Amino acid sequence: MLNKPLMLLCLASLLAACKPAAEPVATPVAAESAPPAAVEATVTSLNFQCGDERIGAAFDNAAGNVTLTIGGQAMTLPKAEAASGARYADAQGNEFWNKGDSATLTRSGQPAAECAQTQLASPWDEAKGRGVGFRAVGNEPGWMVEVDMGEAPALRATLDSGAREIAVARAQSRTAGFAGTTNDGIAVELQIKRETCSDNMSGQEFPASAQLKVGDQTYAGCGRLLFD
């Protein structure tokens, strides 16, 4: 027979063996950080063909206005009340009334023009996107000239309603314009004056007048510094 001390020792060992094992402590896992919430764009940019003119329209939903780019010039109109569509107007009589893919553009003192949405950007916006620093246009016959940025910029012109194109690789800057010679030896000079100039067909006003001389021919028109 086991003596009492030995019996107590065996009982203690038996209880220790039967004690349930301690549950493992769970290691805390860092919560995954939520992805940043997407920022909703508040400005929607569209292009419209309004008669013979293409314009850009940037609708700012947060500010409640539209910025129109017409002939390279920006005009911002605040949102106004309208029975339908989105109407923007100012106190000077300028208005842009957008209804889906169509719109009506009214400029102060000019008749309204019907507009349709297009994928083509305004030639002024497109030229600015290519880094053109100055652009001018004229009529009778139709012509256009572009001058890039830089100390010796490239000069390109489309003349006689698209029938002729000329280019000066490195034009020389003058006090009031640029000058150079084409690859085939034709002298070119572009004179620019900072004065109000009105297009004789559309009536649109520009901040500069332009006179382009190509050989013995002279073309007159209006233009704008695109990064002024």
C-alpha atoms as a PDB file:
ATOM      1  CA  MET A   1       0.000   0.000   0.000  1.00  0.00           C
ATOM      2  CA  LEU A   2       1.326   3.447  -0.959  1.00  0.00           C
ATOM      3  CA  ASN A   3       2.143   5.699   1.888  1.00  0.00           C
ATOM      4  CA  LYS A   4       0.286   8.994   2.138  1.00  0.00           C
ATOM      5  CA  PRO A   5       3.040  11.281   0.805  1.00  0.00           C
ATOM      6  CA  LEU A   6       3.583   9.075  -2.228  1.00  0.00           C
ATOM      7  CA  MET A   7      -0.165   8.908  -2.891  1.00  0.00           C
ATOM      8  CA  LEU A   8      -0.451  12.716  -2.804  1.00  0.00           C
ATOM      9  CA  LEU A   9       2.491  12.998  -5.239  1.00  0.00           C
ATOM     10  CA  CYS A  10       0.850  10.583  -7.697  1.00  0.00           C
ATOM     11  CA  LEU A  11      -2.487  12.429  -7.437  1.00  0.00           C
ATOM     12  CA  ALA A  12      -0.816  15.749  -8.143  1.00  0.00           C
ATOM     13  CA  SER A  13       0.941  14.279 -11.199  1.00  0.00           C
ATOM     14  CA  LEU A  14      -2.356  12.845 -12.480  1.00  0.00           C
ATOM     15  CA  LEU A  15      -4.178  16.176 -12.146  1.00  0.00           C
ATOM     16  CA  ALA A  16      -1.350  17.977 -13.943  1.00  0.00           C
ATOM     17  CA  ALA A  17      -1.573  15.497 -16.838  1.00  0.00           C
ATOM     18  CA  CYS A  18      -5.333  15.958 -17.129  1.00  0.00           C
ATOM     19  CA  LYS A  19      -5.242  19.806 -17.130  1.00  0.00           C
ATOM     20  CA  PRO A  20      -6.310  21.173 -20.539  1.00  0.00           C
ATOM     21  CA  ALA A  21      -3.574  22.852 -22.558  1.00  0.00           C
ATOM     22  CA  ALA A  22      -3.648  26.626 -22.666  1.00  0.00           C
ATOM     23  CA  GLU A  23      -5.288  28.034 -25.779  1.00  0.00           C
ATOM     24  CA  PRO A  24      -2.834  29.695 -28.191  1.00  0.00           C
ATOM     25  CA  VAL A  25      -2.893  33.475 -28.137  1.00  0.00           C
ATOM     26  CA  ALA A  26      -3.975  34.844 -31.491  1.00  0.00           C
ATOM     27  CA  THR A  27      -1.470  37.203 -33.034  1.00  0.00           C
ATOM     28  CA  PRO A  28      -3.218  40.430 -34.001  1.00  0.00           C
ATOM     29  CA  VAL A  29      -3.224  41.022 -37.761  1.00  0.00           C
ATOM     30  CA  ALA A  30      -2.941  44.560 -39.009  1.00  0.00           C
ATOM     31  CA  ALA A  31      -6.057  45.592 -40.844  1.00  0.00           C
ATOM     32  CA  GLU A  32      -5.524  46.139 -44.549  1.00  0.00           C
ATOM     33  CA  SER A  33      -5.651  49.813 -45.425  1.00  0.00           C
ATOM     34  CA  ALA A  34      -8.558  50.671 -47.657  1.00  0.00           C
ATOM     35  CA  PRO A  35      -7.623  51.877 -51.142  1.00  0.00           C
ATOM     36  CA  PRO A  36      -7.933  55.640 -51.550  1.00  0.00           C
ATOM     37  CA  ALA A  37     -11.327  56.701 -52.746  1.00  0.00           C
ATOM     38  CA  ALA A  38     -11.397  57.619 -56.399  1.00  0.00           C
ATOM     39  CA  VAL A  39     -11.613  61.366 -56.973  1.00  0.00           C
ATOM     40  CA  GLU A  40     -14.510  62.135 -59.235  1.00  0.00           C
ATOM     41  CA  ALA A  41     -13.555  64.384 -62.115  1.00  0.00           C
ATOM     42  CA  THR A  42     -15.458  67.652 -61.952  1.00  0.00           C
ATOM     43  CA  VAL A  43     -14.446  69.034 -65.367  1.00  0.00           C
ATOM     44  CA  THR A  44     -15.739  67.529 -68.598  1.00  0.00           C
ATOM     45  CA  SER A  45     -14.136  68.790 -71.829  1.00  0.00           C
ATOM     46  CA  LEU A  46     -16.014  68.511 -75.122  1.00  0.00           C
ATOM     47  CA  ASN A  47     -15.685  69.949 -78.619  1.00  0.00           C
ATOM     48  CA  PHE A  48     -18.486  71.500 -80.666  1.00  0.00           C
ATOM     49  CA  GLN A  49     -18.857  72.529 -84.287  1.00  0.00           C
ATOM     50  CA  CYS A  50     -20.726  75.839 -84.309  1.00  0.00           C
ATOM     51  CA  GLY A  51     -21.387  76.809 -87.905  1.00  0.00           C
ATOM     52  CA  ASP A  52     -17.974  77.103 -89.588  1.00  0.00           C
ATOM     53  CA  GLU A  53     -16.148  77.295 -86.256  1.00  0.00           C
ATOM     54  CA  ARG A  54     -14.982  74.600 -83.823  1.00  0.00           C
ATOM     55  CA  ILE A  55     -14.874  75.497 -80.149  1.00  0.00           C
ATOM     56  CA  GLY A  56     -13.836  73.783 -76.920  1.00  0.00           C
ATOM     57  CA  ALA A  57     -16.169  73.609 -73.915  1.00  0.00           C
ATOM     58  CA  ALA A  58     -14.923  72.674 -70.425  1.00  0.00           C
ATOM     59  CA  PHE A  59     -17.851  72.083 -68.053  1.00  0.00           C
ATOM     60  CA  ASP A  60     -16.843  72.539 -64.394  1.00  0.00           C
ATOM     61  CA  ASN A  61     -19.548  70.909 -62.283  1.00  0.00           C
ATOM     62  CA  ALA A  62     -17.991  71.987 -58.987  1.00  0.00           C
ATOM     63  CA  ALA A  63     -17.683  75.652 -59.953  1.00  0.00           C
ATOM     64  CA  GLY A  64     -20.947  75.643 -61.894  1.00  0.00           C
ATOM     65  CA  ASN A  65     -19.614  77.194 -65.095  1.00  0.00           C
ATOM     66  CA  VAL A  66     -18.372  76.448 -68.594  1.00  0.00           C
ATOM     67  CA  THR A  67     -15.182  77.781 -70.180  1.00  0.00           C
ATOM     68  CA  LEU A  68     -15.456  78.165 -73.947  1.00  0.00           C
ATOM     69  CA  THR A  69     -12.348  78.378 -76.134  1.00  0.00           C
ATOM     70  CA  ILE A  70     -13.258  80.360 -79.242  1.00  0.00           C
ATOM     71  CA  GLY A  71     -10.517  81.242 -81.693  1.00  0.00           C
ATOM     72  CA  GLY A  72      -7.932  80.509 -79.012  1.00  0.00           C
ATOM     73  CA  GLN A  73      -9.560  82.881 -76.508  1.00  0.00           C
ATOM     74  CA  ALA A  74     -11.171  81.609 -73.298  1.00  0.00           C
ATOM     75  CA  MET A  75     -14.548  82.848 -72.095  1.00  0.00           C
ATOM     76  CA  THR A  76     -16.085  81.590 -68.830  1.00  0.00           C
ATOM     77  CA  LEU A  77     -19.866  81.688 -68.395  1.00  0.00           C
ATOM     78  CA  PRO A  78     -21.680  80.950 -65.123  1.00  0.00           C
ATOM     79  CA  LYS A  79     -24.589  78.514 -65.005  1.00  0.00           C
ATOM     80  CA  ALA A  80     -28.033  80.091 -65.395  1.00  0.00           C
ATOM     81  CA  GLU A  81     -31.609  78.930 -65.005  1.00  0.00           C
ATOM     82  CA  ALA A  82     -33.058  76.878 -67.831  1.00  0.00           C
ATOM     83  CA  ALA A  83     -36.264  74.950 -68.437  1.00  0.00           C
ATOM     84  CA  SER A  84     -34.232  72.134 -69.987  1.00  0.00           C
ATOM     85  CA  GLY A  85     -30.602  71.290 -70.666  1.00  0.00           C
ATOM     86  CA  ALA A  86     -27.682  73.230 -69.200  1.00  0.00           C
ATOM     87  CA  ARG A  87     -27.639  76.962 -69.851  1.00  0.00           C
ATOM     88  CA  TYR A  88     -24.675  79.259 -69.176  1.00  0.00           C
ATOM     89  CA  ALA A  89     -24.855  83.029 -69.630  1.00  0.00           C
ATOM     90  CA  ASP A  90     -23.311  86.326 -68.530  1.00  0.00           C
ATOM     91  CA  ALA A  91     -24.557  89.903 -68.259  1.00  0.00           C
ATOM     92  CA  GLN A  92     -22.936  90.875 -71.580  1.00  0.00           C
ATOM     93  CA  GLY A  93     -25.288  88.720 -73.629  1.00  0.00           C
ATOM     94  CA  ASN A  94     -22.978  85.721 -74.175  1.00  0.00           C
ATOM     95  CA  GLU A  95     -24.788  82.396 -73.826  1.00  0.00           C
ATOM     96  CA  PHE A  96     -24.116  78.697 -74.338  1.00  0.00           C
ATOM     97  CA  TRP A  97     -27.158  76.437 -74.024  1.00  0.00           C
ATOM     98  CA  ASN A  98     -26.231  72.767 -74.082  1.00  0.00           C
ATOM     99  CA  LYS A  99     -28.799  70.017 -74.665  1.00  0.00           C
ATOM    100  CA  GLY A 100     -27.186  66.598 -75.002  1.00  0.00           C
ATOM    101  CA  ASP A 101     -25.009  66.433 -78.126  1.00  0.00           C
ATOM    102  CA  SER A 102     -26.201  69.805 -79.419  1.00  0.00           C
ATOM    103  CA  ALA A 103     -25.988  73.392 -78.214  1.00  0.00           C
ATOM    104  CA  THR A 104     -26.699  76.979 -79.158  1.00  0.00           C
ATOM    105  CA  LEU A 105     -23.936  79.583 -78.957  1.00  0.00           C
ATOM    106  CA  THR A 106     -24.838  83.263 -78.763  1.00  0.00           C
ATOM    107  CA  ARG A 107     -22.112  85.869 -78.550  1.00  0.00           C
ATOM    108  CA  SER A 108     -22.795  89.445 -77.580  1.00  0.00           C
ATOM    109  CA  GLY A 109     -24.006  91.394 -80.593  1.00  0.00           C
ATOM    110  CA  GLN A 110     -23.969  88.368 -82.916  1.00  0.00           C
ATOM    111  CA  PRO A 111     -26.693  85.994 -84.126  1.00  0.00           C
ATOM    112  CA  ALA A 112     -27.031  82.590 -82.464  1.00  0.00           C
ATOM    113  CA  ALA A 113     -25.153  79.640 -83.968  1.00  0.00           C
ATOM    114  CA  GLU A 114     -26.307  76.030 -83.782  1.00  0.00           C
ATOM    115  CA  CYS A 115     -23.627  73.652 -82.499  1.00  0.00           C
ATOM    116  CA  ALA A 116     -23.133  69.884 -82.691  1.00  0.00           C
ATOM    117  CA  GLN A 117     -20.698  67.835 -80.617  1.00  0.00           C
ATOM    118  CA  THR A 118     -17.612  66.639 -82.512  1.00  0.00           C
ATOM    119  CA  GLN A 119     -14.469  64.621 -81.811  1.00  0.00           C
ATOM    120  CA  LEU A 120     -12.328  67.214 -83.581  1.00  0.00           C
ATOM    121  CA  ALA A 121     -10.661  69.859 -81.439  1.00  0.00           C
ATOM    122  CA  SER A 122     -10.548  73.521 -82.313  1.00  0.00           C
ATOM    123  CA  PRO A 123      -7.581  74.233 -84.624  1.00  0.00           C
ATOM    124  CA  TRP A 124      -6.407  76.799 -82.065  1.00  0.00           C
ATOM    125  CA  ASP A 125      -6.482  74.267 -79.222  1.00  0.00           C
ATOM    126  CA  GLU A 126      -4.835  71.649 -81.436  1.00  0.00           C
ATOM    127  CA  ALA A 127      -2.080  74.088 -82.421  1.00  0.00           C
ATOM    128  CA  LYS A 128      -1.444  75.035 -78.801  1.00  0.00           C
ATOM    129  CA  GLY A 129      -1.167  71.347 -77.932  1.00  0.00           C
ATOM    130  CA  ARG A 130       1.613  71.027 -80.532  1.00  0.00           C
ATOM    131  CA  GLY A 131       3.563  73.894 -78.970  1.00  0.00           C
ATOM    132  CA  VAL A 132       2.660  76.606 -81.483  1.00  0.00           C
ATOM    133  CA  GLY A 133       3.342  80.044 -80.019  1.00  0.00           C
ATOM    134  CA  PHE A 134       1.571  82.273 -82.565  1.00  0.00           C
ATOM    135  CA  ARG A 135      -1.193  81.545 -85.045  1.00  0.00           C
ATOM    136  CA  ALA A 136      -2.934  83.809 -87.549  1.00  0.00           C
ATOM    137  CA  VAL A 137      -5.606  83.355 -90.208  1.00  0.00           C
ATOM    138  CA  GLY A 138      -6.970  85.421 -93.069  1.00  0.00           C
ATOM    139  CA  ASN A 139      -9.416  85.364 -95.961  1.00  0.00           C
ATOM    140  CA  GLU A 140      -9.694  86.121 -99.684  1.00  0.00           C
ATOM    141  CA  PRO A 141      -7.894  83.859-100.303  1.00  0.00           C
ATOM    142  CA  GLY A 142      -7.923  81.770 -97.139  1.00  0.00           C
ATOM    143  CA  TRP A 143      -4.541  81.410 -95.441  1.00  0.00           C
ATOM    144  CA  MET A 144      -2.993  80.404 -92.106  1.00  0.00           C
ATOM    145  CA  VAL A 145       0.419  80.755 -90.481  1.00  0.00           C
ATOM    146  CA  GLU A 146       1.879  79.104 -87.379  1.00  0.00           C
ATOM    147  CA  VAL A 147       5.108  79.925 -85.542  1.00  0.00           C
ATOM    148  CA  ASP A 148       6.543  77.545 -82.945  1.00  0.00           C
ATOM    149  CA  MET A 149       8.089  78.554 -79.625  1.00  0.00           C
ATOM    150  CA  GLY A 150      11.828  79.145 -79.208  1.00  0.00           C
ATOM    151  CA  GLU A 151      14.617  81.480 -80.281  1.00  0.00           C
ATOM    152  CA  ALA A 152      14.731  80.240 -83.883  1.00  0.00           C
ATOM    153  CA  PRO A 153      11.267  78.730 -84.351  1.00  0.00           C
ATOM    154  CA  ALA A 154       9.876  76.899 -87.320  1.00  0.00           C
ATOM    155  CA  LEU A 155       7.338  78.839 -89.375  1.00  0.00           C
ATOM    156  CA  ARG A 156       4.669  77.120 -91.483  1.00  0.00           C
ATOM    157  CA  ALA A 157       1.976  78.593 -93.685  1.00  0.00           C
ATOM    158  CA  THR A 158      -0.894  77.251 -95.777  1.00  0.00           C
ATOM    159  CA  LEU A 159      -1.792  79.703 -98.540  1.00  0.00           C
ATOM    160  CA  ASP A 160      -4.317  80.290-101.298  1.00  0.00           C
ATOM    161  CA  SER A 161      -7.149  78.300 -99.677  1.00  0.00           C
ATOM    162  CA  GLY A 162      -4.914  75.269 -99.138  1.00  0.00           C
ATOM    163  CA  ALA A 163      -3.374  75.150-102.613  1.00  0.00           C
ATOM    164  CA  ARG A 164       0.126  76.065-101.425  1.00  0.00           C
ATOM    165  CA  GLU A 165       2.263  75.352 -98.368  1.00  0.00           C
ATOM    166  CA  ILE A 166       5.571  76.908 -97.342  1.00  0.00           C
ATOM    167  CA  ALA A 167       7.941  76.373 -94.406  1.00  0.00           C
ATOM    168  CA  VAL A 168      10.900  78.147 -92.832  1.00  0.00           C
ATOM    169  CA  ALA A 169      12.982  75.773 -90.728  1.00  0.00           C
ATOM    170  CA  ARG A 170      14.565  78.427 -88.495  1.00  0.00           C
ATOM    171  CA  ALA A 171      12.940  81.845 -88.547  1.00  0.00           C
ATOM    172  CA  GLN A 172      14.724  84.894 -87.153  1.00  0.00           C
ATOM    173  CA  SER A 173      12.926  86.880 -84.481  1.00  0.00           C
ATOM    174  CA  ARG A 174      12.319  90.538 -85.289  1.00  0.00           C
ATOM    175  CA  THR A 175      11.057  93.398 -83.116  1.00  0.00           C
ATOM    176  CA  ALA A 176       7.558  92.961 -84.502  1.00  0.00           C
ATOM    177  CA  GLY A 177       7.563  89.493 -86.018  1.00  0.00           C
ATOM    178  CA  PHE A 178       9.713  86.923 -87.797  1.00  0.00           C
ATOM    179  CA  ALA A 179      11.630  86.537 -91.051  1.00  0.00           C
ATOM    180  CA  GLY A 180      13.395  83.770 -92.928  1.00  0.00           C
ATOM    181  CA  THR A 181      13.830  81.899 -96.177  1.00  0.00           C
ATOM    182  CA  THR A 182      12.219  78.693 -97.400  1.00  0.00           C
ATOM    183  CA  ASN A 183      14.285  75.755 -98.638  1.00  0.00           C
ATOM    184  CA  ASP A 184      13.732  76.884-102.221  1.00  0.00           C
ATOM    185  CA  GLY A 185      14.937  80.431-101.518  1.00  0.00           C
ATOM    186  CA  ILE A 186      11.680  82.348-101.099  1.00  0.00           C
ATOM    187  CA  ALA A 187      11.865  85.253 -98.638  1.00  0.00           C
ATOM    188  CA  VAL A 188       9.207  85.170 -95.901  1.00  0.00           C
ATOM    189  CA  GLU A 189       8.358  87.917 -93.414  1.00  0.00           C
ATOM    190  CA  LEU A 190       5.635  87.925 -90.772  1.00  0.00           C
ATOM    191  CA  GLN A 191       4.721  91.252 -89.172  1.00  0.00           C
ATOM    192  CA  ILE A 192       2.678  91.186 -85.957  1.00  0.00           C
ATOM    193  CA  LYS A 193       0.997  94.166 -84.292  1.00  0.00           C
ATOM    194  CA  ARG A 194      -0.677  94.011 -80.895  1.00  0.00           C
ATOM    195  CA  GLU A 195      -3.917  95.741 -81.801  1.00  0.00           C
ATOM    196  CA  THR A 196      -7.563  94.737 -81.984  1.00  0.00           C
ATOM    197  CA  CYS A 197      -8.201  92.951 -85.270  1.00  0.00           C
ATOM    198  CA  SER A 198     -11.598  91.894 -86.574  1.00  0.00           C
ATOM    199  CA  ASP A 199     -11.975  88.963 -88.962  1.00  0.00           C
ATOM    200  CA  ASN A 200     -13.657  90.338 -92.082  1.00  0.00           C
ATOM    201  CA  MET A 201     -15.847  87.239 -92.521  1.00  0.00           C
ATOM    202  CA  SER A 202     -16.808  86.006 -89.051  1.00  0.00           C
ATOM    203  CA  GLY A 203     -16.551  89.335 -87.258  1.00  0.00           C
ATOM    204  CA  GLN A 204     -14.534  87.672 -84.498  1.00  0.00           C
ATOM    205  CA  GLU A 205     -12.057  89.931 -82.737  1.00  0.00           C
ATOM    206  CA  PHE A 206      -8.421  89.017 -82.115  1.00  0.00           C
ATOM    207  CA  PRO A 207      -5.756  90.785 -80.038  1.00  0.00           C
ATOM    208  CA  ALA A 208      -3.272  91.043 -82.916  1.00  0.00           C
ATOM    209  CA  SER A 209      -3.120  91.812 -86.612  1.00  0.00           C
ATOM    210  CA  ALA A 210      -0.797  89.896 -88.928  1.00  0.00           C
ATOM    211  CA  GLN A 211       0.712  90.560 -92.331  1.00  0.00           C
ATOM    212  CA  LEU A 212       2.539  87.727 -94.083  1.00  0.00           C
ATOM    213  CA  LYS A 213       4.790  88.431 -97.048  1.00  0.00           C
ATOM    214  CA  VAL A 214       5.820  85.456 -99.176  1.00  0.00           C
ATOM    215  CA  GLY A 215       7.961  86.566-102.095  1.00  0.00           C
ATOM    216  CA  ASP A 216       5.988  89.308-103.834  1.00  0.00           C
ATOM    217  CA  GLN A 217       2.620  88.279-102.311  1.00  0.00           C
ATOM    218  CA  THR A 218       1.126  89.772 -99.161  1.00  0.00           C
ATOM    219  CA  TYR A 219      -1.572  88.231 -96.936  1.00  0.00           C
ATOM    220  CA  ALA A 220      -3.402  90.149 -94.203  1.00  0.00           C
ATOM    221  CA  GLY A 221      -5.308  88.690 -91.281  1.00  0.00           C
ATOM    222  CA  CYS A 222      -5.702  88.375 -87.512  1.00  0.00           C
ATOM    223  CA  GLY A 223      -3.964  86.253 -84.929  1.00  0.00           C
ATOM    224  CA  ARG A 224      -3.210  85.427 -81.358  1.00  0.00           C
ATOM    225  CA  LEU A 225      -0.264  84.531 -79.126  1.00  0.00           C
ATOM    226  CA  LEU A 226      -1.302  81.148 -77.753  1.00  0.00           C
ATOM    227  CA  PHE A 227       0.916  81.297 -74.647  1.00  0.00           C
ATOM    228  CA  ASP A 228       0.511  84.998 -73.878  1.00  0.00           C
END
